[in-house]
Amino acid sequence: MEIGEKIRYARLTKGYSQENMADFLGISTSAYGDIERNKTELTLSRAKKLTNILKMSILELLGEEIQTPEILLNTPKTDLALLREETEKLRAETNYWREKFEQQVTIEAFKMIQSQYQREKIGFR
């Protein structure tokens, strides 16, 4: 299995979309898709980011085997493990939306400041 396929399986297992992953990495969705399709060579720094996001070791990423979603679905998990996994997904999604919200607030603040300077000053002399 190639590295891009391993990344894809790990991403699907975690429940992330390609858009989520691209945002986490700070790249475009198509650039991320190229990584999964092995069209873009993976740098060490990006591989480290990916393994942190996907909660896997660099050895799993570069090694010969990784558990596929089918295997994971058949693996019994304790309630605590399931809760931890769901918590991580929610934490990642919360961080994603927090960043999007902060970006939007910054844009709106900039627009407000910009419109203040563009208003015609009316006063009495």
PDB file of N, CA and C in Angstrom:
ATOM      1  N   MET A   1       0.850  -1.173   0.000  1.00  0.00           N
ATOM      2  CA  MET A   1       0.000   0.000   0.000  1.00  0.00           C
ATOM      3  C   MET A   1       0.900   1.242   0.000  1.00  0.00           C
ATOM      4  N   GLU A   2       0.586   2.203  -0.865  1.00  0.00           N
ATOM      5  CA  GLU A   2       1.386   3.420  -0.955  1.00  0.00           C
ATOM      6  C   GLU A   2       1.024   4.394   0.164  1.00  0.00           C
ATOM      7  N   ILE A   3       1.907   5.373   0.394  1.00  0.00           N
ATOM      8  CA  ILE A   3       1.721   6.326   1.492  1.00  0.00           C
ATOM      9  C   ILE A   3       0.406   7.092   1.352  1.00  0.00           C
ATOM     10  N   GLY A   4       0.088   7.526   0.146  1.00  0.00           N
ATOM     11  CA  GLY A   4      -1.159   8.268  -0.063  1.00  0.00           C
ATOM     12  C   GLY A   4      -2.384   7.465   0.334  1.00  0.00           C
ATOM     13  N   GLU A   5      -2.357   6.176   0.019  1.00  0.00           N
ATOM     14  CA  GLU A   5      -3.468   5.295   0.400  1.00  0.00           C
ATOM     15  C   GLU A   5      -3.556   5.151   1.921  1.00  0.00           C
ATOM     16  N   LYS A   6      -2.402   5.038   2.567  1.00  0.00           N
ATOM     17  CA  LYS A   6      -2.384   4.927   4.028  1.00  0.00           C
ATOM     18  C   LYS A   6      -2.973   6.182   4.666  1.00  0.00           C
ATOM     19  N   ILE A   7      -2.595   7.327   4.119  1.00  0.00           N
ATOM     20  CA  ILE A   7      -3.119   8.597   4.643  1.00  0.00           C
ATOM     21  C   ILE A   7      -4.630   8.645   4.449  1.00  0.00           C
ATOM     22  N   ARG A   8      -5.091   8.243   3.285  1.00  0.00           N
ATOM     23  CA  ARG A   8      -6.528   8.252   2.997  1.00  0.00           C
ATOM     24  C   ARG A   8      -7.290   7.352   3.971  1.00  0.00           C
ATOM     25  N   TYR A   9      -6.810   6.114   4.172  1.00  0.00           N
ATOM     26  CA  TYR A   9      -7.478   5.198   5.098  1.00  0.00           C
ATOM     27  C   TYR A   9      -7.490   5.747   6.521  1.00  0.00           C
ATOM     28  N   ALA A  10      -6.366   6.323   6.948  1.00  0.00           N
ATOM     29  CA  ALA A  10      -6.302   6.894   8.302  1.00  0.00           C
ATOM     30  C   ALA A  10      -7.262   8.076   8.425  1.00  0.00           C
ATOM     31  N   ARG A  11      -7.336   8.914   7.383  1.00  0.00           N
ATOM     32  CA  ARG A  11      -8.249  10.068   7.387  1.00  0.00           C
ATOM     33  C   ARG A  11      -9.703   9.603   7.479  1.00  0.00           C
ATOM     34  N   LEU A  12     -10.058   8.606   6.678  1.00  0.00           N
ATOM     35  CA  LEU A  12     -11.426   8.089   6.692  1.00  0.00           C
ATOM     36  C   LEU A  12     -11.764   7.471   8.047  1.00  0.00           C
ATOM     37  N   THR A  13     -10.802   6.788   8.632  1.00  0.00           N
ATOM     38  CA  THR A  13     -11.004   6.178   9.943  1.00  0.00           C
ATOM     39  C   THR A  13     -11.304   7.235  10.996  1.00  0.00           C
ATOM     40  N   LYS A  14     -10.619   8.374  10.897  1.00  0.00           N
ATOM     41  CA  LYS A  14     -10.830   9.468  11.851  1.00  0.00           C
ATOM     42  C   LYS A  14     -12.079  10.288  11.532  1.00  0.00           C
ATOM     43  N   GLY A  15     -12.644  10.093  10.353  1.00  0.00           N
ATOM     44  CA  GLY A  15     -13.867  10.806   9.996  1.00  0.00           C
ATOM     45  C   GLY A  15     -13.624  12.209   9.448  1.00  0.00           C
ATOM     46  N   TYR A  16     -12.407  12.481   8.976  1.00  0.00           N
ATOM     47  CA  TYR A  16     -12.092  13.802   8.429  1.00  0.00           C
ATOM     48  C   TYR A  16     -12.335  13.823   6.919  1.00  0.00           C
ATOM     49  N   SER A  17     -12.725  14.990   6.427  1.00  0.00           N
ATOM     50  CA  SER A  17     -12.854  15.166   4.982  1.00  0.00           C
ATOM     51  C   SER A  17     -11.513  15.659   4.439  1.00  0.00           C
ATOM     52  N   GLN A  18     -11.376  15.631   3.122  1.00  0.00           N
ATOM     53  CA  GLN A  18     -10.161  16.174   2.521  1.00  0.00           C
ATOM     54  C   GLN A  18     -10.055  17.673   2.805  1.00  0.00           C
ATOM     55  N   GLU A  19     -11.188  18.361   2.835  1.00  0.00           N
ATOM     56  CA  GLU A  19     -11.176  19.792   3.132  1.00  0.00           C
ATOM     57  C   GLU A  19     -10.671  20.057   4.553  1.00  0.00           C
ATOM     58  N   ASN A  20     -11.124  19.230   5.522  1.00  0.00           N
ATOM     59  CA  ASN A  20     -10.627  19.362   6.898  1.00  0.00           C
ATOM     60  C   ASN A  20      -9.115  19.224   6.933  1.00  0.00           C
ATOM     61  N   MET A  21      -8.618  18.184   6.283  1.00  0.00           N
ATOM     62  CA  MET A  21      -7.186  17.919   6.297  1.00  0.00           C
ATOM     63  C   MET A  21      -6.407  19.054   5.632  1.00  0.00           C
ATOM     64  N   ALA A  22      -6.925  19.545   4.520  1.00  0.00           N
ATOM     65  CA  ALA A  22      -6.251  20.645   3.832  1.00  0.00           C
ATOM     66  C   ALA A  22      -6.188  21.875   4.730  1.00  0.00           C
ATOM     67  N   ASP A  23      -7.283  22.178   5.424  1.00  0.00           N
ATOM     68  CA  ASP A  23      -7.300  23.322   6.339  1.00  0.00           C
ATOM     69  C   ASP A  23      -6.321  23.121   7.488  1.00  0.00           C
ATOM     70  N   PHE A  24      -6.266  21.909   8.043  1.00  0.00           N
ATOM     71  CA  PHE A  24      -5.331  21.623   9.132  1.00  0.00           C
ATOM     72  C   PHE A  24      -3.886  21.840   8.671  1.00  0.00           C
ATOM     73  N   LEU A  25      -3.606  21.476   7.424  1.00  0.00           N
ATOM     74  CA  LEU A  25      -2.247  21.580   6.893  1.00  0.00           C
ATOM     75  C   LEU A  25      -1.951  22.961   6.301  1.00  0.00           C
ATOM     76  N   GLY A  26      -2.987  23.758   6.084  1.00  0.00           N
ATOM     77  CA  GLY A  26      -2.784  25.084   5.502  1.00  0.00           C
ATOM     78  C   GLY A  26      -2.501  25.043   4.011  1.00  0.00           C
ATOM     79  N   ILE A  27      -3.108  24.072   3.325  1.00  0.00           N
ATOM     80  CA  ILE A  27      -2.940  23.950   1.873  1.00  0.00           C
ATOM     81  C   ILE A  27      -4.316  23.845   1.230  1.00  0.00           C
ATOM     82  N   SER A  28      -4.353  23.902  -0.105  1.00  0.00           N
ATOM     83  CA  SER A  28      -5.633  23.786  -0.804  1.00  0.00           C
ATOM     84  C   SER A  28      -6.116  22.339  -0.784  1.00  0.00           C
ATOM     85  N   THR A  29      -7.410  22.183  -1.000  1.00  0.00           N
ATOM     86  CA  THR A  29      -7.991  20.839  -1.025  1.00  0.00           C
ATOM     87  C   THR A  29      -7.408  20.020  -2.171  1.00  0.00           C
ATOM     88  N   SER A  30      -7.198  20.655  -3.319  1.00  0.00           N
ATOM     89  CA  SER A  30      -6.632  19.905  -4.447  1.00  0.00           C
ATOM     90  C   SER A  30      -5.184  19.503  -4.166  1.00  0.00           C
ATOM     91  N   ALA A  31      -4.427  20.347  -3.469  1.00  0.00           N
ATOM     92  CA  ALA A  31      -3.052  19.987  -3.100  1.00  0.00           C
ATOM     93  C   ALA A  31      -3.060  18.799  -2.146  1.00  0.00           C
ATOM     94  N   TYR A  32      -4.029  18.800  -1.218  1.00  0.00           N
ATOM     95  CA  TYR A  32      -4.131  17.659  -0.307  1.00  0.00           C
ATOM     96  C   TYR A  32      -4.521  16.396  -1.082  1.00  0.00           C
ATOM     97  N   GLY A  33      -5.460  16.524  -1.999  1.00  0.00           N
ATOM     98  CA  GLY A  33      -5.866  15.379  -2.818  1.00  0.00           C
ATOM     99  C   GLY A  33      -4.694  14.800  -3.589  1.00  0.00           C
ATOM    100  N   ASP A  34      -3.796  15.676  -4.059  1.00  0.00           N
ATOM    101  CA  ASP A  34      -2.600  15.198  -4.763  1.00  0.00           C
ATOM    102  C   ASP A  34      -1.709  14.359  -3.852  1.00  0.00           C
ATOM    103  N   ILE A  35      -1.674  14.692  -2.566  1.00  0.00           N
ATOM    104  CA  ILE A  35      -0.896  13.888  -1.616  1.00  0.00           C
ATOM    105  C   ILE A  35      -1.498  12.494  -1.517  1.00  0.00           C
ATOM    106  N   GLU A  36      -2.821  12.407  -1.378  1.00  0.00           N
ATOM    107  CA  GLU A  36      -3.477  11.102  -1.267  1.00  0.00           C
ATOM    108  C   GLU A  36      -3.353  10.286  -2.554  1.00  0.00           C
ATOM    109  N   ARG A  37      -3.271  10.970  -3.695  1.00  0.00           N
ATOM    110  CA  ARG A  37      -3.138  10.267  -4.976  1.00  0.00           C
ATOM    111  C   ARG A  37      -1.676  10.031  -5.350  1.00  0.00           C
ATOM    112  N   ASN A  38      -0.768  10.374  -4.425  1.00  0.00           N
ATOM    113  CA  ASN A  38       0.676  10.209  -4.630  1.00  0.00           C
ATOM    114  C   ASN A  38       1.204  11.002  -5.823  1.00  0.00           C
ATOM    115  N   LYS A  39       0.542  12.096  -6.153  1.00  0.00           N
ATOM    116  CA  LYS A  39       1.021  12.971  -7.231  1.00  0.00           C
ATOM    117  C   LYS A  39       2.034  13.975  -6.689  1.00  0.00           C
ATOM    118  N   THR A  40       1.986  14.220  -5.380  1.00  0.00           N
ATOM    119  CA  THR A  40       2.908  15.144  -4.729  1.00  0.00           C
ATOM    120  C   THR A  40       3.745  14.351  -3.738  1.00  0.00           C
ATOM    121  N   GLU A  41       5.043  14.552  -3.811  1.00  0.00           N
ATOM    122  CA  GLU A  41       5.924  13.872  -2.873  1.00  0.00           C
ATOM    123  C   GLU A  41       5.758  14.495  -1.490  1.00  0.00           C
ATOM    124  N   LEU A  42       5.648  13.666  -0.499  1.00  0.00           N
ATOM    125  CA  LEU A  42       5.400  14.103   0.863  1.00  0.00           C
ATOM    126  C   LEU A  42       6.714  14.548   1.512  1.00  0.00           C
ATOM    127  N   THR A  43       6.739  15.794   2.022  1.00  0.00           N
ATOM    128  CA  THR A  43       7.921  16.279   2.734  1.00  0.00           C
ATOM    129  C   THR A  43       7.898  15.745   4.160  1.00  0.00           C
ATOM    130  N   LEU A  44       9.043  15.764   4.806  1.00  0.00           N
ATOM    131  CA  LEU A  44       9.131  15.277   6.178  1.00  0.00           C
ATOM    132  C   LEU A  44       8.296  16.137   7.120  1.00  0.00           C
ATOM    133  N   SER A  45       8.343  17.450   6.942  1.00  0.00           N
ATOM    134  CA  SER A  45       7.573  18.328   7.837  1.00  0.00           C
ATOM    135  C   SER A  45       6.070  18.104   7.658  1.00  0.00           C
ATOM    136  N   ARG A  46       5.625  17.913   6.435  1.00  0.00           N
ATOM    137  CA  ARG A  46       4.208  17.659   6.199  1.00  0.00           C
ATOM    138  C   ARG A  46       3.808  16.276   6.710  1.00  0.00           C
ATOM    139  N   ALA A  47       4.709  15.309   6.582  1.00  0.00           N
ATOM    140  CA  ALA A  47       4.436  13.968   7.110  1.00  0.00           C
ATOM    141  C   ALA A  47       4.280  14.023   8.626  1.00  0.00           C
ATOM    142  N   LYS A  48       5.111  14.825   9.299  1.00  0.00           N
ATOM    143  CA  LYS A  48       4.995  14.973  10.754  1.00  0.00           C
ATOM    144  C   LYS A  48       3.652  15.599  11.123  1.00  0.00           C
ATOM    145  N   LYS A  49       3.230  16.625  10.374  1.00  0.00           N
ATOM    146  CA  LYS A  49       1.935  17.259  10.634  1.00  0.00           C
ATOM    147  C   LYS A  49       0.802  16.253  10.443  1.00  0.00           C
ATOM    148  N   LEU A  50       0.885  15.496   9.362  1.00  0.00           N
ATOM    149  CA  LEU A  50      -0.154  14.503   9.080  1.00  0.00           C
ATOM    150  C   LEU A  50      -0.241  13.450  10.183  1.00  0.00           C
ATOM    151  N   THR A  51       0.902  12.963  10.634  1.00  0.00           N
ATOM    152  CA  THR A  51       0.874  11.933  11.678  1.00  0.00           C
ATOM    153  C   THR A  51       0.328  12.490  12.982  1.00  0.00           C
ATOM    154  N   ASN A  52       0.586  13.773  13.263  1.00  0.00           N
ATOM    155  CA  ASN A  52       0.014  14.396  14.465  1.00  0.00           C
ATOM    156  C   ASN A  52      -1.499  14.517  14.340  1.00  0.00           C
ATOM    157  N   ILE A  53      -1.975  14.958  13.194  1.00  0.00           N
ATOM    158  CA  ILE A  53      -3.408  15.126  12.973  1.00  0.00           C
ATOM    159  C   ILE A  53      -4.125  13.779  13.037  1.00  0.00           C
ATOM    160  N   LEU A  54      -3.540  12.780  12.406  1.00  0.00           N
ATOM    161  CA  LEU A  54      -4.174  11.469  12.293  1.00  0.00           C
ATOM    162  C   LEU A  54      -3.847  10.547  13.469  1.00  0.00           C
ATOM    163  N   LYS A  55      -3.056  11.045  14.421  1.00  0.00           N
ATOM    164  CA  LYS A  55      -2.710  10.271  15.624  1.00  0.00           C
ATOM    165  C   LYS A  55      -2.111   8.914  15.246  1.00  0.00           C
ATOM    166  N   MET A  56      -1.094   8.965  14.390  1.00  0.00           N
ATOM    167  CA  MET A  56      -0.399   7.755  14.009  1.00  0.00           C
ATOM    168  C   MET A  56       1.096   8.029  14.065  1.00  0.00           C
ATOM    169  N   SER A  57       1.893   6.991  14.109  1.00  0.00           N
ATOM    170  CA  SER A  57       3.344   7.178  14.154  1.00  0.00           C
ATOM    171  C   SER A  57       3.879   7.293  12.730  1.00  0.00           C
ATOM    172  N   ILE A  58       5.050   7.887  12.640  1.00  0.00           N
ATOM    173  CA  ILE A  58       5.696   7.997  11.332  1.00  0.00           C
ATOM    174  C   ILE A  58       6.029   6.606  10.799  1.00  0.00           C
ATOM    175  N   LEU A  59       6.275   5.657  11.712  1.00  0.00           N
ATOM    176  CA  LEU A  59       6.549   4.276  11.297  1.00  0.00           C
ATOM    177  C   LEU A  59       5.327   3.637  10.649  1.00  0.00           C
ATOM    178  N   GLU A  60       4.144   3.931  11.194  1.00  0.00           N
ATOM    179  CA  GLU A  60       2.917   3.409  10.576  1.00  0.00           C
ATOM    180  C   GLU A  60       2.756   3.974   9.168  1.00  0.00           C
ATOM    181  N   LEU A  61       3.077   5.258   9.031  1.00  0.00           N
ATOM    182  CA  LEU A  61       2.918   5.899   7.731  1.00  0.00           C
ATOM    183  C   LEU A  61       3.902   5.356   6.711  1.00  0.00           C
ATOM    184  N   LEU A  62       5.137   5.173   7.123  1.00  0.00           N
ATOM    185  CA  LEU A  62       6.167   4.721   6.189  1.00  0.00           C
ATOM    186  C   LEU A  62       6.310   3.206   6.126  1.00  0.00           C
ATOM    187  N   GLY A  63       5.736   2.490   7.117  1.00  0.00           N
ATOM    188  CA  GLY A  63       5.854   1.034   7.172  1.00  0.00           C
ATOM    189  C   GLY A  63       4.998   0.333   6.141  1.00  0.00           C
ATOM    190  N   GLU A  64       5.009  -0.978   6.227  1.00  0.00           N
ATOM    191  CA  GLU A  64       4.317  -1.808   5.242  1.00  0.00           C
ATOM    192  C   GLU A  64       2.824  -1.954   5.482  1.00  0.00           C
ATOM    193  N   GLU A  65       2.396  -1.918   6.750  1.00  0.00           N
ATOM    194  CA  GLU A  65       0.993  -2.202   7.030  1.00  0.00           C
ATOM    195  C   GLU A  65       0.353  -1.111   7.864  1.00  0.00           C
ATOM    196  N   ILE A  66      -0.904  -0.898   7.604  1.00  0.00           N
ATOM    197  CA  ILE A  66      -1.730  -0.018   8.421  1.00  0.00           C
ATOM    198  C   ILE A  66      -3.117  -0.647   8.466  1.00  0.00           C
ATOM    199  N   GLN A  67      -3.799  -0.495   9.578  1.00  0.00           N
ATOM    200  CA  GLN A  67      -5.137  -1.062   9.664  1.00  0.00           C
ATOM    201  C   GLN A  67      -6.076  -0.287   8.755  1.00  0.00           C
ATOM    202  N   THR A  68      -6.848  -1.006   7.982  1.00  0.00           N
ATOM    203  CA  THR A  68      -7.818  -0.372   7.100  1.00  0.00           C
ATOM    204  C   THR A  68      -9.133  -0.195   7.853  1.00  0.00           C
ATOM    205  N   PRO A  69     -10.027   0.675   7.367  1.00  0.00           N
ATOM    206  CA  PRO A  69     -11.303   0.865   8.057  1.00  0.00           C
ATOM    207  C   PRO A  69     -12.088  -0.432   8.252  1.00  0.00           C
ATOM    208  N   GLU A  70     -11.997  -1.360   7.286  1.00  0.00           N
ATOM    209  CA  GLU A  70     -12.717  -2.624   7.427  1.00  0.00           C
ATOM    210  C   GLU A  70     -12.217  -3.394   8.653  1.00  0.00           C
ATOM    211  N   ILE A  71     -10.914  -3.419   8.838  1.00  0.00           N
ATOM    212  CA  ILE A  71     -10.340  -4.102   9.994  1.00  0.00           C
ATOM    213  C   ILE A  71     -10.739  -3.376  11.269  1.00  0.00           C
ATOM    214  N   LEU A  72     -10.680  -2.064  11.220  1.00  0.00           N
ATOM    215  CA  LEU A  72     -11.020  -1.279  12.403  1.00  0.00           C
ATOM    216  C   LEU A  72     -12.476  -1.463  12.800  1.00  0.00           C
ATOM    217  N   LEU A  73     -13.350  -1.602  11.816  1.00  0.00           N
ATOM    218  CA  LEU A  73     -14.760  -1.792  12.126  1.00  0.00           C
ATOM    219  C   LEU A  73     -15.010  -3.123  12.825  1.00  0.00           C
ATOM    220  N   ASN A  74     -14.173  -4.112  12.529  1.00  0.00           N
ATOM    221  CA  ASN A  74     -14.340  -5.432  13.137  1.00  0.00           C
ATOM    222  C   ASN A  74     -13.576  -5.570  14.454  1.00  0.00           C
ATOM    223  N   THR A  75     -12.807  -4.565  14.832  1.00  0.00           N
ATOM    224  CA  THR A  75     -12.032  -4.609  16.065  1.00  0.00           C
ATOM    225  C   THR A  75     -12.896  -4.122  17.215  1.00  0.00           C
ATOM    226  N   PRO A  76     -13.078  -4.937  18.244  1.00  0.00           N
ATOM    227  CA  PRO A  76     -13.889  -4.480  19.378  1.00  0.00           C
ATOM    228  C   PRO A  76     -13.172  -3.378  20.141  1.00  0.00           C
ATOM    229  N   LYS A  77     -13.930  -2.358  20.543  1.00  0.00           N
ATOM    230  CA  LYS A  77     -13.376  -1.234  21.293  1.00  0.00           C
ATOM    231  C   LYS A  77     -14.184  -1.050  22.558  1.00  0.00           C
ATOM    232  N   THR A  78     -13.522  -0.601  23.574  1.00  0.00           N
ATOM    233  CA  THR A  78     -14.237  -0.311  24.807  1.00  0.00           C
ATOM    234  C   THR A  78     -14.968   1.009  24.651  1.00  0.00           C
ATOM    235  N   ASP A  79     -15.945   1.236  25.510  1.00  0.00           N
ATOM    236  CA  ASP A  79     -16.684   2.497  25.469  1.00  0.00           C
ATOM    237  C   ASP A  79     -15.754   3.687  25.676  1.00  0.00           C
ATOM    238  N   LEU A  80     -14.769   3.530  26.546  1.00  0.00           N
ATOM    239  CA  LEU A  80     -13.830   4.606  26.814  1.00  0.00           C
ATOM    240  C   LEU A  80     -13.015   4.945  25.570  1.00  0.00           C
ATOM    241  N   ALA A  81     -12.565   3.937  24.855  1.00  0.00           N
ATOM    242  CA  ALA A  81     -11.795   4.170  23.627  1.00  0.00           C
ATOM    243  C   ALA A  81     -12.650   4.884  22.581  1.00  0.00           C
ATOM    244  N   LEU A  82     -13.900   4.479  22.464  1.00  0.00           N
ATOM    245  CA  LEU A  82     -14.803   5.134  21.517  1.00  0.00           C
ATOM    246  C   LEU A  82     -15.032   6.595  21.901  1.00  0.00           C
ATOM    247  N   LEU A  83     -15.198   6.840  23.203  1.00  0.00           N
ATOM    248  CA  LEU A  83     -15.382   8.220  23.667  1.00  0.00           C
ATOM    249  C   LEU A  83     -14.147   9.068  23.402  1.00  0.00           C
ATOM    250  N   ARG A  84     -12.969   8.501  23.610  1.00  0.00           N
ATOM    251  CA  ARG A  84     -11.729   9.245  23.331  1.00  0.00           C
ATOM    252  C   ARG A  84     -11.627   9.583  21.845  1.00  0.00           C
ATOM    253  N   GLU A  85     -11.950   8.632  21.006  1.00  0.00           N
ATOM    254  CA  GLU A  85     -11.887   8.858  19.562  1.00  0.00           C
ATOM    255  C   GLU A  85     -12.873   9.952  19.148  1.00  0.00           C
ATOM    256  N   GLU A  86     -14.086   9.888  19.667  1.00  0.00           N
ATOM    257  CA  GLU A  86     -15.099  10.894  19.351  1.00  0.00           C
ATOM    258  C   GLU A  86     -14.692  12.267  19.889  1.00  0.00           C
ATOM    259  N   THR A  87     -14.084  12.293  21.062  1.00  0.00           N
ATOM    260  CA  THR A  87     -13.611  13.547  21.642  1.00  0.00           C
ATOM    261  C   THR A  87     -12.557  14.184  20.744  1.00  0.00           C
ATOM    262  N   GLU A  88     -11.642  13.378  20.230  1.00  0.00           N
ATOM    263  CA  GLU A  88     -10.607  13.906  19.337  1.00  0.00           C
ATOM    264  C   GLU A  88     -11.209  14.475  18.056  1.00  0.00           C
ATOM    265  N   LYS A  89     -12.200  13.774  17.513  1.00  0.00           N
ATOM    266  CA  LYS A  89     -12.865  14.276  16.310  1.00  0.00           C
ATOM    267  C   LYS A  89     -13.542  15.616  16.586  1.00  0.00           C
ATOM    268  N   LEU A  90     -14.241  15.700  17.711  1.00  0.00           N
ATOM    269  CA  LEU A  90     -14.930  16.938  18.067  1.00  0.00           C
ATOM    270  C   LEU A  90     -13.938  18.061  18.349  1.00  0.00           C
ATOM    271  N   ARG A  91     -12.833  17.748  18.994  1.00  0.00           N
ATOM    272  CA  ARG A  91     -11.810  18.756  19.267  1.00  0.00           C
ATOM    273  C   ARG A  91     -11.236  19.306  17.960  1.00  0.00           C
ATOM    274  N   ALA A  92     -10.945  18.417  17.025  1.00  0.00           N
ATOM    275  CA  ALA A  92     -10.405  18.851  15.732  1.00  0.00           C
ATOM    276  C   ALA A  92     -11.425  19.700  14.984  1.00  0.00           C
ATOM    277  N   GLU A  93     -12.676  19.275  15.002  1.00  0.00           N
ATOM    278  CA  GLU A  93     -13.716  20.044  14.316  1.00  0.00           C
ATOM    279  C   GLU A  93     -13.924  21.401  14.989  1.00  0.00           C
ATOM    280  N   THR A  94     -13.881  21.436  16.317  1.00  0.00           N
ATOM    281  CA  THR A  94     -14.027  22.697  17.046  1.00  0.00           C
ATOM    282  C   THR A  94     -12.897  23.654  16.694  1.00  0.00           C
ATOM    283  N   ASN A  95     -11.672  23.135  16.643  1.00  0.00           N
ATOM    284  CA  ASN A  95     -10.529  23.982  16.266  1.00  0.00           C
ATOM    285  C   ASN A  95     -10.684  24.513  14.849  1.00  0.00           C
ATOM    286  N   TYR A  96     -11.158  23.666  13.962  1.00  0.00           N
ATOM    287  CA  TYR A  96     -11.378  24.078  12.575  1.00  0.00           C
ATOM    288  C   TYR A  96     -12.361  25.244  12.513  1.00  0.00           C
ATOM    289  N   TRP A  97     -13.510  25.100  13.190  1.00  0.00           N
ATOM    290  CA  TRP A  97     -14.530  26.150  13.132  1.00  0.00           C
ATOM    291  C   TRP A  97     -14.099  27.397  13.899  1.00  0.00           C
ATOM    292  N   ARG A  98     -13.312  27.229  14.970  1.00  0.00           N
ATOM    293  CA  ARG A  98     -12.803  28.386  15.704  1.00  0.00           C
ATOM    294  C   ARG A  98     -11.893  29.223  14.796  1.00  0.00           C
ATOM    295  N   GLU A  99     -11.023  28.547  14.061  1.00  0.00           N
ATOM    296  CA  GLU A  99     -10.134  29.261  13.139  1.00  0.00           C
ATOM    297  C   GLU A  99     -10.937  29.977  12.057  1.00  0.00           C
ATOM    298  N   LYS A 100     -11.938  29.313  11.507  1.00  0.00           N
ATOM    299  CA  LYS A 100     -12.783  29.939  10.481  1.00  0.00           C
ATOM    300  C   LYS A 100     -13.496  31.155  11.051  1.00  0.00           C
ATOM    301  N   PHE A 101     -14.015  31.050  12.290  1.00  0.00           N
ATOM    302  CA  PHE A 101     -14.712  32.155  12.934  1.00  0.00           C
ATOM    303  C   PHE A 101     -13.759  33.325  13.151  1.00  0.00           C
ATOM    304  N   GLU A 102     -12.561  33.047  13.648  1.00  0.00           N
ATOM    305  CA  GLU A 102     -11.589  34.112  13.880  1.00  0.00           C
ATOM    306  C   GLU A 102     -11.203  34.804  12.577  1.00  0.00           C
ATOM    307  N   GLN A 103     -11.080  34.051  11.511  1.00  0.00           N
ATOM    308  CA  GLN A 103     -10.788  34.654  10.209  1.00  0.00           C
ATOM    309  C   GLN A 103     -11.910  35.593   9.786  1.00  0.00           C
ATOM    310  N   GLN A 104     -13.148  35.154   9.966  1.00  0.00           N
ATOM    311  CA  GLN A 104     -14.299  35.959   9.568  1.00  0.00           C
ATOM    312  C   GLN A 104     -14.399  37.218  10.416  1.00  0.00           C
ATOM    313  N   VAL A 105     -14.140  37.106  11.723  1.00  0.00           N
ATOM    314  CA  VAL A 105     -14.179  38.274  12.605  1.00  0.00           C
ATOM    315  C   VAL A 105     -13.113  39.278  12.170  1.00  0.00           C
ATOM    316  N   THR A 106     -11.938  38.803  11.829  1.00  0.00           N
ATOM    317  CA  THR A 106     -10.861  39.688  11.365  1.00  0.00           C
ATOM    318  C   THR A 106     -11.266  40.407  10.093  1.00  0.00           C
ATOM    319  N   ILE A 107     -11.867  39.687   9.169  1.00  0.00           N
ATOM    320  CA  ILE A 107     -12.306  40.292   7.904  1.00  0.00           C
ATOM    321  C   ILE A 107     -13.364  41.359   8.169  1.00  0.00           C
ATOM    322  N   GLU A 108     -14.337  41.037   9.015  1.00  0.00           N
ATOM    323  CA  GLU A 108     -15.397  41.995   9.322  1.00  0.00           C
ATOM    324  C   GLU A 108     -14.847  43.224  10.032  1.00  0.00           C
ATOM    325  N   ALA A 109     -13.909  43.040  10.955  1.00  0.00           N
ATOM    326  CA  ALA A 109     -13.297  44.181  11.649  1.00  0.00           C
ATOM    327  C   ALA A 109     -12.549  45.062  10.659  1.00  0.00           C
ATOM    328  N   PHE A 110     -11.842  44.447   9.740  1.00  0.00           N
ATOM    329  CA  PHE A 110     -11.115  45.209   8.714  1.00  0.00           C
ATOM    330  C   PHE A 110     -12.096  46.012   7.854  1.00  0.00           C
ATOM    331  N   LYS A 111     -13.201  45.398   7.472  1.00  0.00           N
ATOM    332  CA  LYS A 111     -14.205  46.099   6.663  1.00  0.00           C
ATOM    333  C   LYS A 111     -14.775  47.297   7.419  1.00  0.00           C
ATOM    334  N   MET A 112     -15.030  47.114   8.730  1.00  0.00           N
ATOM    335  CA  MET A 112     -15.580  48.211   9.526  1.00  0.00           C
ATOM    336  C   MET A 112     -14.583  49.363   9.617  1.00  0.00           C
ATOM    337  N   ILE A 113     -13.332  49.053   9.853  1.00  0.00           N
ATOM    338  CA  ILE A 113     -12.299  50.094   9.943  1.00  0.00           C
ATOM    339  C   ILE A 113     -12.145  50.787   8.608  1.00  0.00           C
ATOM    340  N   GLN A 114     -12.149  50.016   7.547  1.00  0.00           N
ATOM    341  CA  GLN A 114     -11.997  50.571   6.209  1.00  0.00           C
ATOM    342  C   GLN A 114     -13.177  51.489   5.871  1.00  0.00           C
ATOM    343  N   SER A 115     -14.393  51.104   6.231  1.00  0.00           N
ATOM    344  CA  SER A 115     -15.559  51.926   5.913  1.00  0.00           C
ATOM    345  C   SER A 115     -15.563  53.209   6.731  1.00  0.00           C
ATOM    346  N   GLN A 116     -14.987  53.195   7.934  1.00  0.00           N
ATOM    347  CA  GLN A 116     -14.902  54.411   8.752  1.00  0.00           C
ATOM    348  C   GLN A 116     -14.052  55.456   8.054  1.00  0.00           C
ATOM    349  N   TYR A 117     -12.971  55.045   7.457  1.00  0.00           N
ATOM    350  CA  TYR A 117     -12.082  55.990   6.793  1.00  0.00           C
ATOM    351  C   TYR A 117     -12.632  56.464   5.455  1.00  0.00           C
ATOM    352  N   GLN A 118     -13.547  55.715   4.885  1.00  0.00           N
ATOM    353  CA  GLN A 118     -14.102  56.084   3.594  1.00  0.00           C
ATOM    354  C   GLN A 118     -15.314  56.991   3.708  1.00  0.00           C
ATOM    355  N   ARG A 119     -15.882  57.130   4.896  1.00  0.00           N
ATOM    356  CA  ARG A 119     -17.046  57.982   5.069  1.00  0.00           C
ATOM    357  C   ARG A 119     -16.665  59.433   4.877  1.00  0.00           C
ATOM    358  N   GLU A 120     -17.605  60.171   4.344  1.00  0.00           N
ATOM    359  CA  GLU A 120     -17.392  61.608   4.162  1.00  0.00           C
ATOM    360  C   GLU A 120     -17.572  62.290   5.513  1.00  0.00           C
ATOM    361  N   LYS A 121     -16.594  63.109   5.869  1.00  0.00           N
ATOM    362  CA  LYS A 121     -16.661  63.797   7.141  1.00  0.00           C
ATOM    363  C   LYS A 121     -17.527  65.024   6.993  1.00  0.00           C
ATOM    364  N   ILE A 122     -18.541  65.102   7.818  1.00  0.00           N
ATOM    365  CA  ILE A 122     -19.464  66.239   7.811  1.00  0.00           C
ATOM    366  C   ILE A 122     -19.314  66.928   9.162  1.00  0.00           C
ATOM    367  N   GLY A 123     -19.125  68.213   9.108  1.00  0.00           N
ATOM    368  CA  GLY A 123     -18.961  68.926  10.373  1.00  0.00           C
ATOM    369  C   GLY A 123     -19.355  70.375  10.207  1.00  0.00           C
ATOM    370  N   PHE A 124     -19.397  71.067  11.313  1.00  0.00           N
ATOM    371  CA  PHE A 124     -19.710  72.481  11.309  1.00  0.00           C
ATOM    372  C   PHE A 124     -18.434  73.255  11.511  1.00  0.00           C
ATOM    373  N   ARG A 125     -18.329  74.409  10.801  1.00  0.00           N
ATOM    374  CA  ARG A 125     -17.139  75.258  10.946  1.00  0.00           C
ATOM    375  C   ARG A 125     -17.492  76.551  11.554  1.00  0.00           C
TER     376      ARG A 125
END
